[in-house]
Amino acid sequence: MASYSFLLYMIAAQTGYTPDELYYTFGDAHIYLNHIDQVRTQLERTPYKLPIVEVKPRATIDDYRAEDFIVSNYVFHPAIKAPVAV
């Protein structure tokens, strides 16, 4: 989803707009039975404040590079381990 957010920022910069919200639809989202505890853990977590995203301006959309994207104040919870569902 981060790459979609970066694309939103790139398009906004090239068109003179300010990015606001990104709506994303999952096409095949499901939860396996052996992941129920991990999903509960995720749902019980309080989200942190969103990070700050800055994108260096470029002349065209093809000029952007990975180092043009600066993400600061990114705070995250520890990873949630889950067995591979087969």
Protein backbone atom coordinates (compact mmCIF):
# COMPACT_ATOMS: atom_id res chain seq x y z
CA MET A 1 0.00 0.00 0.00
CA ALA A 2 2.95 2.30 0.53
CA SER A 3 3.75 2.16 -3.17
CA TYR A 4 0.18 3.22 -4.00
CA SER A 5 0.51 6.11 -1.57
CA PHE A 6 3.76 7.17 -3.21
CA LEU A 7 2.08 7.03 -6.62
CA LEU A 8 -0.71 9.26 -5.25
CA TYR A 9 1.93 11.78 -4.11
CA MET A 10 3.69 11.66 -7.47
CA ILE A 11 0.50 12.25 -9.45
CA ALA A 12 -0.56 15.05 -7.11
CA ALA A 13 2.82 16.75 -7.48
CA GLN A 14 2.70 16.51 -11.26
CA THR A 15 -0.86 17.87 -11.48
CA GLY A 16 -0.58 20.62 -8.88
CA TYR A 17 -2.86 18.99 -6.32
CA THR A 18 -2.34 18.09 -2.67
CA PRO A 19 -2.77 14.39 -1.82
CA ASP A 20 -5.53 13.73 0.69
CA GLU A 21 -6.85 10.20 1.06
CA LEU A 22 -6.16 6.87 -0.58
CA TYR A 23 -9.02 4.39 -0.86
CA TYR A 24 -7.97 0.80 -1.35
CA THR A 25 -10.15 -2.23 -2.09
CA PHE A 26 -8.94 -5.74 -1.34
CA GLY A 27 -9.98 -8.24 -3.99
CA ASP A 28 -9.23 -11.49 -2.15
CA ALA A 29 -9.01 -10.79 1.57
CA HIS A 30 -9.50 -13.73 3.90
CA ILE A 31 -8.41 -14.97 7.31
CA TYR A 32 -7.27 -18.53 7.91
CA LEU A 33 -8.51 -20.32 11.03
CA ASN A 34 -4.97 -20.67 12.40
CA HIS A 35 -4.54 -16.88 12.26
CA ILE A 36 -7.52 -15.87 14.42
CA ASP A 37 -5.39 -15.05 17.48
CA GLN A 38 -3.05 -12.87 15.42
CA VAL A 39 -5.99 -11.00 13.87
CA ARG A 40 -7.41 -10.36 17.34
CA THR A 41 -4.04 -9.00 18.44
CA GLN A 42 -3.99 -6.67 15.43
CA LEU A 43 -7.54 -5.44 16.08
CA GLU A 44 -6.77 -4.73 19.75
CA ARG A 45 -3.87 -2.42 18.90
CA THR A 46 -4.28 1.32 19.04
CA PRO A 47 -3.05 2.91 15.80
CA TYR A 48 -0.17 5.34 16.05
CA LYS A 49 -0.17 8.81 14.55
CA LEU A 50 0.42 8.68 10.79
CA PRO A 51 3.95 9.37 9.55
CA ILE A 52 4.93 12.42 7.53
CA VAL A 53 5.59 11.80 3.83
CA GLU A 54 7.60 14.26 1.76
CA VAL A 55 8.38 13.88 -1.91
CA LYS A 56 11.10 15.84 -3.64
CA PRO A 57 9.72 17.64 -6.70
CA ARG A 58 10.70 16.30 -10.12
CA ALA A 59 10.10 17.58 -13.64
CA THR A 60 8.18 14.51 -14.83
CA ILE A 61 6.65 11.43 -13.26
CA ASP A 62 9.40 9.31 -14.84
CA ASP A 63 12.12 11.23 -12.97
CA TYR A 64 11.27 9.97 -9.46
CA ARG A 65 13.67 7.66 -7.61
CA ALA A 66 13.36 5.84 -4.30
CA GLU A 67 15.54 8.42 -2.54
CA ASP A 68 13.01 11.15 -3.46
CA PHE A 69 10.57 9.83 -0.82
CA ILE A 70 11.18 10.78 2.79
CA VAL A 71 9.05 9.13 5.48
CA SER A 72 9.55 10.54 8.97
CA ASN A 73 7.98 9.93 12.36
CA TYR A 74 7.04 6.37 11.35
CA VAL A 75 6.16 4.45 14.52
CA PHE A 76 5.03 0.83 14.34
CA HIS A 77 4.02 -2.05 16.57
CA PRO A 78 6.12 -5.21 16.81
CA ALA A 79 5.58 -7.83 14.10
CA ILE A 80 2.89 -10.43 14.68
CA LYS A 81 4.16 -13.91 13.88
CA ALA A 82 1.80 -16.45 12.35
CA PRO A 83 2.28 -19.94 10.96
CA VAL A 84 2.05 -20.38 7.22
CA ALA A 85 -1.44 -21.58 6.32
CA VAL A 86 -1.48 -24.52 3.95
